[in-house]
Amino acid sequence: MNQLKTILLLLLLLTISMSASAQSVKTVKANSLQELVNQAAQTALTKFSDKKLTENQLSITLIDLRDPQHPLTASFRGNERVYPASVVKLFYLVTVHRWLEDQKIQETDELKRAVRDMIVDSSNEATQYVVDVLTQTTGGYELPAKEMKAWQYKRNAVNRYYAALGFTNINVNQKTFCEDAYGRERVSRGPNGENRNKLTTDATARLLSEIVTGRAVNPARAARMMELLKRDFAGTSKDPDDQGHGFTGIALQGMTGARLWAKAGWTSTTRHDAAYLELPNGAKFVLVTFTTDHANEREIIPTVARVVIDGIASVK
């Protein structure tokens, strides 16, 4: 009897030891990219359930670019239209370079300065100038209905460009502001804001992947765009919400050999990031995460990113 008790005790201790060991090892295994995205979404929803984060406040799209000729895509609510905040500036960036290449607009020192400030500093004033150049429209006092219709047609030039490329379910025809729009800019939004900028994580991830792989424009222009999007996530920053330290970059803190390119967006109601990551293990992927009604929750986006970072190597 004593021998039996000893054996049972040893088995119990072994079980406890194995359980503790399993809990101490952080592993994420997914058989498919979609399973990995689902895990990332569920992890964030569970972790922030006490903050009342719900499914309709989260959108994620992941594009695996380890084989850039055969990219794989998966998403969680990836086709949901969301106010994009400053992420829309990615679309204006690509349009500028495409139209410069096609000689539809001319490059000037002011345009170069504005494009740089729009992406690196996320300047709204610079973005307003860029939109003026692209659409040949300017803000100002309200216009009579007929003139406003003609103005709005011109303002939709960027929308028509992306529609011709097969982008759907987006709206990219508004300037970005630090406070509010007035005059014809306010009228353009519509009485209830129905014409405000809208993006999906699917469309945003597609565009960023085309920048990364050099398909959006020629390689030289793609390299110029990537230089503007490059983010330093190491160390600390005086601004904890800068584009390198306040979004996806949080998940890369302390990781040697990782690289990050990104365009973030943040308002009083939204917190988004469109990021391209290269990891020491050879992983290369675009990860776009949009969150709404949780603008001050800095950890939602890096929580999603950590699951992807930990698990993408296991996806074949």
Protein backbone atom coordinates (compact mmCIF):
# COMPACT_ATOMS: atom_id res chain seq x y z
CA MET A 1 0.00 0.00 0.00
CA ASN A 2 2.84 2.41 0.93
CA GLN A 3 4.55 1.62 -2.37
CA LEU A 4 1.33 2.43 -4.27
CA LYS A 5 0.99 5.74 -2.43
CA THR A 6 4.58 6.58 -3.30
CA ILE A 7 3.98 5.84 -7.00
CA LEU A 8 0.79 7.95 -7.02
CA LEU A 9 2.59 10.82 -5.32
CA LEU A 10 5.41 10.71 -7.87
CA LEU A 11 2.90 10.71 -10.74
CA LEU A 12 1.12 13.71 -9.23
CA LEU A 13 4.37 15.63 -8.85
CA LEU A 14 5.35 14.78 -12.43
CA THR A 15 1.99 16.02 -13.72
CA ILE A 16 2.31 19.29 -11.82
CA SER A 17 5.85 19.77 -13.10
CA MET A 18 4.84 19.16 -16.72
CA SER A 19 1.91 21.55 -16.39
CA ALA A 20 4.08 24.31 -14.96
CA SER A 21 6.63 23.79 -17.70
CA ALA A 22 3.99 24.01 -20.40
CA GLN A 23 2.65 27.24 -18.94
CA SER A 24 6.11 28.81 -18.87
CA VAL A 25 6.72 28.29 -22.60
CA LYS A 26 4.94 30.76 -24.87
CA THR A 27 4.10 29.08 -28.16
CA VAL A 28 1.62 29.93 -30.87
CA LYS A 29 0.99 27.28 -33.46
CA ALA A 30 -1.30 27.76 -36.40
CA ASN A 31 -1.81 25.50 -39.38
CA SER A 32 -2.98 28.32 -41.63
CA LEU A 33 -2.68 32.09 -41.91
CA GLN A 34 -6.40 32.43 -41.25
CA GLU A 35 -6.09 30.41 -38.05
CA LEU A 36 -3.27 32.69 -36.93
CA VAL A 37 -5.35 35.82 -37.56
CA ASN A 38 -8.27 34.28 -35.70
CA GLN A 39 -5.97 33.54 -32.75
CA ALA A 40 -4.67 37.11 -32.78
CA ALA A 41 -8.17 38.55 -32.78
CA GLN A 42 -9.40 36.23 -30.06
CA THR A 43 -6.36 36.94 -27.89
CA ALA A 44 -6.99 40.68 -28.09
CA LEU A 45 -10.73 40.31 -27.49
CA THR A 46 -10.11 38.13 -24.44
CA LYS A 47 -7.32 40.25 -22.99
CA PHE A 48 -9.32 43.46 -23.29
CA SER A 49 -12.74 42.07 -22.47
CA ASP A 50 -12.67 44.03 -19.21
CA LYS A 51 -12.26 47.16 -21.35
CA LYS A 52 -15.34 46.05 -23.32
CA LEU A 53 -13.45 45.52 -26.58
CA THR A 54 -15.91 43.84 -28.97
CA GLU A 55 -15.60 42.22 -32.37
CA ASN A 56 -17.13 45.17 -34.20
CA GLN A 57 -14.35 47.41 -32.83
CA LEU A 58 -11.49 45.37 -34.28
CA SER A 59 -10.33 44.63 -37.83
CA ILE A 60 -7.17 42.80 -38.88
CA THR A 61 -5.58 41.85 -42.19
CA LEU A 62 -2.35 39.87 -42.52
CA ILE A 63 -0.41 39.30 -45.75
CA ASP A 64 2.45 36.80 -45.67
CA LEU A 65 5.21 38.04 -48.02
CA ARG A 66 7.81 35.34 -47.46
CA ASP A 67 7.14 34.43 -51.08
CA PRO A 68 6.37 37.86 -52.59
CA GLN A 69 5.33 36.34 -55.89
CA HIS A 70 2.66 34.27 -54.13
CA PRO A 71 1.44 36.33 -51.15
CA LEU A 72 -1.07 34.77 -48.76
CA THR A 73 -3.81 36.84 -47.14
CA ALA A 74 -6.09 36.31 -44.15
CA SER A 75 -8.30 38.71 -42.26
CA PHE A 76 -10.69 39.27 -39.39
CA ARG A 77 -13.49 41.65 -40.43
CA GLY A 78 -11.09 42.81 -43.10
CA ASN A 79 -13.73 44.30 -45.40
CA GLU A 80 -15.41 46.48 -42.76
CA ARG A 81 -15.36 50.21 -43.57
CA VAL A 82 -13.68 52.22 -40.81
CA TYR A 83 -12.71 55.87 -40.49
CA PRO A 84 -8.95 55.54 -41.15
CA ALA A 85 -7.56 58.68 -39.51
CA SER A 86 -4.03 59.27 -40.83
CA VAL A 87 -3.69 55.83 -42.42
CA VAL A 88 -5.40 57.38 -45.47
CA LYS A 89 -2.14 59.24 -46.10
CA LEU A 90 -0.71 55.99 -47.48
CA PHE A 91 -3.19 56.24 -50.34
CA TYR A 92 -2.26 59.84 -51.07
CA LEU A 93 1.44 58.90 -50.93
CA VAL A 94 1.08 56.22 -53.59
CA THR A 95 -1.10 58.42 -55.78
CA VAL A 96 1.51 61.18 -55.73
CA HIS A 97 4.26 58.84 -56.90
CA ARG A 98 2.09 57.13 -59.49
CA TRP A 99 1.00 60.43 -60.98
CA LEU A 100 4.53 61.84 -60.90
CA GLU A 101 5.65 58.75 -62.79
CA ASP A 102 2.81 59.23 -65.29
CA GLN A 103 3.58 62.98 -65.49
CA LYS A 104 0.06 63.91 -64.43
CA ILE A 105 1.51 66.26 -61.80
CA GLN A 106 4.87 67.96 -61.46
CA GLU A 107 7.37 67.47 -58.65
CA THR A 108 8.29 70.66 -56.82
CA ASP A 109 10.26 71.39 -53.68
CA GLU A 110 7.01 72.16 -51.86
CA LEU A 111 5.42 68.87 -52.94
CA LYS A 112 8.49 66.90 -51.81
CA ARG A 113 8.45 68.70 -48.46
CA ALA A 114 4.73 68.10 -48.00
CA VAL A 115 4.91 64.40 -48.88
CA ARG A 116 7.75 63.90 -46.43
CA ASP A 117 5.95 65.72 -43.62
CA MET A 118 2.66 63.91 -44.39
CA ILE A 119 4.23 60.49 -43.82
CA VAL A 120 7.12 61.04 -41.39
CA ASP A 121 5.44 63.61 -39.12
CA SER A 122 1.85 62.73 -40.10
CA SER A 123 1.21 66.42 -40.70
CA ASN A 124 -2.40 67.23 -41.51
CA GLU A 125 -1.46 70.59 -43.02
CA ALA A 126 0.94 68.85 -45.40
CA THR A 127 -1.79 66.36 -46.31
CA GLN A 128 -4.18 69.19 -47.13
CA TYR A 129 -1.64 70.59 -49.60
CA VAL A 130 -1.07 67.15 -51.16
CA VAL A 131 -4.82 66.64 -51.67
CA ASP A 132 -5.02 70.07 -53.32
CA VAL A 133 -2.25 69.09 -55.74
CA LEU A 134 -3.79 65.70 -56.56
CA THR A 135 -7.34 66.92 -57.10
CA GLN A 136 -6.83 70.55 -58.15
CA THR A 137 -9.35 71.64 -55.54
CA THR A 138 -9.00 74.01 -52.63
CA GLY A 139 -10.98 74.69 -49.49
CA GLY A 140 -12.83 77.90 -48.81
CA TYR A 141 -16.28 79.38 -48.54
CA GLU A 142 -19.35 77.39 -49.59
CA LEU A 143 -20.08 77.14 -53.32
CA PRO A 144 -23.40 77.23 -55.17
CA ALA A 145 -24.81 73.74 -55.76
CA LYS A 146 -23.73 73.49 -59.42
CA GLU A 147 -20.19 74.65 -58.68
CA MET A 148 -20.01 72.37 -55.66
CA LYS A 149 -20.96 69.38 -57.81
CA ALA A 150 -18.12 70.15 -60.23
CA TRP A 151 -15.75 70.68 -57.29
CA GLN A 152 -16.73 67.34 -55.77
CA TYR A 153 -16.18 65.54 -59.08
CA LYS A 154 -12.61 66.86 -59.16
CA ARG A 155 -12.13 65.96 -55.50
CA ASN A 156 -13.04 62.34 -56.32
CA ALA A 157 -10.01 61.95 -58.61
CA VAL A 158 -8.15 59.74 -56.14
CA ASN A 159 -11.24 57.58 -55.64
CA ARG A 160 -11.49 57.04 -59.39
CA TYR A 161 -7.83 56.08 -59.55
CA TYR A 162 -8.18 53.34 -56.93
CA ALA A 163 -11.49 52.12 -58.33
CA ALA A 164 -9.74 51.59 -61.67
CA LEU A 165 -7.19 49.42 -59.85
CA GLY A 166 -9.93 47.24 -58.39
CA PHE A 167 -10.02 48.67 -54.87
CA THR A 168 -13.52 48.48 -53.44
CA ASN A 169 -15.43 49.60 -50.36
CA ILE A 170 -13.18 52.60 -49.67
CA ASN A 171 -13.49 56.39 -49.78
CA VAL A 172 -10.35 58.55 -50.08
CA ASN A 173 -11.46 62.04 -51.00
CA GLN A 174 -11.15 64.08 -47.81
CA LYS A 175 -8.38 66.08 -46.21
CA THR A 176 -7.25 65.37 -42.65
CA PHE A 177 -7.61 68.04 -39.97
CA CYS A 178 -6.33 68.62 -36.46
CA GLU A 179 -9.69 70.03 -35.43
CA ASP A 180 -12.55 70.31 -37.94
CA ALA A 181 -13.38 71.16 -41.54
CA TYR A 182 -15.22 74.30 -42.58
CA GLY A 183 -16.86 75.69 -45.71
CA ARG A 184 -16.76 73.52 -48.80
CA GLU A 185 -14.62 70.93 -47.00
CA ARG A 186 -17.36 70.48 -44.41
CA VAL A 187 -20.07 70.41 -47.09
CA SER A 188 -18.11 67.73 -48.96
CA ARG A 189 -18.31 65.41 -45.97
CA GLY A 190 -22.09 65.38 -46.15
CA PRO A 191 -24.68 66.45 -43.54
CA ASN A 192 -24.06 63.34 -41.43
CA GLY A 193 -20.45 62.69 -42.40
CA GLU A 194 -21.50 60.05 -44.93
CA ASN A 195 -18.71 61.11 -47.32
CA ARG A 196 -15.88 60.96 -44.79
CA ASN A 197 -12.80 58.91 -45.59
CA LYS A 198 -13.31 55.18 -45.11
CA LEU A 199 -10.86 52.30 -45.47
CA THR A 200 -10.82 48.58 -44.84
CA THR A 201 -7.86 46.70 -43.44
CA ASP A 202 -7.98 44.50 -46.57
CA ALA A 203 -7.57 47.47 -48.93
CA THR A 204 -4.90 49.06 -46.75
CA ALA A 205 -2.90 45.84 -46.47
CA ARG A 206 -3.11 45.32 -50.22
CA LEU A 207 -1.76 48.81 -50.90
CA LEU A 208 1.07 48.51 -48.39
CA SER A 209 2.07 45.12 -49.78
CA GLU A 210 2.20 46.65 -53.27
CA ILE A 211 4.52 49.36 -51.97
CA VAL A 212 6.75 46.76 -50.31
CA THR A 213 6.94 44.53 -53.38
CA GLY A 214 7.41 47.42 -55.82
CA ARG A 215 4.17 46.85 -57.70
CA ALA A 216 2.50 50.15 -56.86
CA VAL A 217 5.12 52.18 -58.74
CA ASN A 218 8.59 51.65 -60.15
CA PRO A 219 11.30 50.29 -57.80
CA ALA A 220 13.02 53.66 -57.36
CA ARG A 221 9.82 55.34 -56.24
CA ALA A 222 8.92 52.37 -54.05
CA ALA A 223 12.30 52.74 -52.30
CA ARG A 224 11.58 56.43 -51.69
CA MET A 225 8.24 55.59 -50.13
CA MET A 226 9.75 52.86 -47.96
CA GLU A 227 12.36 55.29 -46.66
CA LEU A 228 9.58 57.62 -45.48
CA LEU A 229 7.74 54.72 -43.83
CA LYS A 230 10.75 53.32 -41.97
CA ARG A 231 10.26 53.44 -38.19
CA ASP A 232 12.71 53.28 -35.29
CA PHE A 233 11.11 51.31 -32.46
CA ALA A 234 14.22 50.88 -30.31
CA GLY A 235 14.70 52.59 -26.99
CA THR A 236 12.29 55.19 -25.72
CA SER A 237 10.69 58.28 -27.17
CA LYS A 238 9.66 61.64 -25.75
CA ASP A 239 6.35 60.99 -27.49
CA PRO A 240 5.02 57.57 -26.38
CA ASP A 241 2.50 57.68 -29.21
CA ASP A 242 4.89 58.30 -32.08
CA GLN A 243 4.67 55.94 -35.05
CA GLY A 244 7.61 53.84 -33.95
CA HIS A 245 6.88 53.50 -30.23
CA GLY A 246 3.12 53.75 -29.83
CA PHE A 247 1.70 51.09 -32.13
CA THR A 248 3.00 47.84 -33.68
CA GLY A 249 6.53 48.80 -32.67
CA ILE A 250 5.66 48.12 -29.02
CA ALA A 251 5.64 44.41 -29.85
CA LEU A 252 9.18 44.62 -31.24
CA GLN A 253 10.78 46.20 -28.18
CA GLY A 254 13.93 44.29 -27.26
CA MET A 255 13.95 42.22 -30.46
CA THR A 256 17.30 42.31 -32.22
CA GLY A 257 17.34 42.26 -36.01
CA ALA A 258 13.68 43.14 -36.60
CA ARG A 259 12.72 45.97 -38.95
CA LEU A 260 9.54 48.02 -39.20
CA TRP A 261 7.87 50.24 -41.77
CA ALA A 262 4.49 51.71 -40.86
CA LYS A 263 1.84 54.40 -41.09
CA ALA A 264 -0.26 54.90 -37.97
CA GLY A 265 -3.47 56.80 -37.41
CA TRP A 266 -4.94 58.04 -34.15
CA THR A 267 -7.92 60.21 -33.22
CA SER A 268 -10.06 60.54 -30.12
CA THR A 269 -12.07 57.48 -31.24
CA THR A 270 -9.69 55.41 -33.39
CA ARG A 271 -6.26 53.83 -33.11
CA HIS A 272 -4.84 52.12 -36.22
CA ASP A 273 -1.57 50.90 -37.67
CA ALA A 274 -0.56 49.65 -41.10
CA ALA A 275 2.79 47.93 -40.71
CA TYR A 276 5.30 45.88 -42.66
CA LEU A 277 7.66 43.77 -40.55
CA GLU A 278 10.78 41.75 -41.28
CA LEU A 279 11.87 39.41 -38.49
CA PRO A 280 15.20 37.68 -37.78
CA ASN A 281 13.60 34.29 -38.52
CA GLY A 282 12.94 35.31 -42.13
CA ALA A 283 9.27 36.23 -41.70
CA LYS A 284 8.08 39.13 -43.83
CA PHE A 285 4.51 40.30 -43.54
CA VAL A 286 2.09 43.19 -43.70
CA LEU A 287 -0.14 43.53 -40.66
CA VAL A 288 -2.93 46.11 -40.57
CA THR A 289 -4.93 46.54 -37.38
CA PHE A 290 -7.79 49.00 -36.91
CA THR A 291 -9.47 49.64 -33.55
CA THR A 292 -12.39 51.93 -32.76
CA ASP A 293 -13.69 53.39 -29.50
CA HIS A 294 -10.48 52.39 -27.69
CA ALA A 295 -8.13 55.14 -28.85
CA ASN A 296 -6.16 55.26 -25.60
CA GLU A 297 -5.59 51.49 -25.32
CA ARG A 298 -1.99 51.36 -26.53
CA GLU A 299 -1.65 47.59 -26.05
CA ILE A 300 -4.41 46.26 -28.35
CA ILE A 301 -2.41 46.66 -31.56
CA PRO A 302 0.84 45.18 -30.14
CA THR A 303 -1.16 42.32 -28.60
CA VAL A 304 -2.35 41.38 -32.08
CA ALA A 305 1.18 41.82 -33.44
CA ARG A 306 2.78 39.59 -30.79
CA VAL A 307 0.52 36.65 -31.66
CA VAL A 308 1.42 37.03 -35.34
CA ILE A 309 5.13 37.44 -34.58
CA ASP A 310 5.14 34.33 -32.36
CA GLY A 311 3.13 32.17 -34.73
CA ILE A 312 3.85 33.05 -38.34
CA ALA A 313 6.91 30.78 -38.56
CA SER A 314 4.68 27.76 -37.96
CA VAL A 315 2.41 28.62 -40.89
CA LYS A 316 3.45 26.67 -43.95
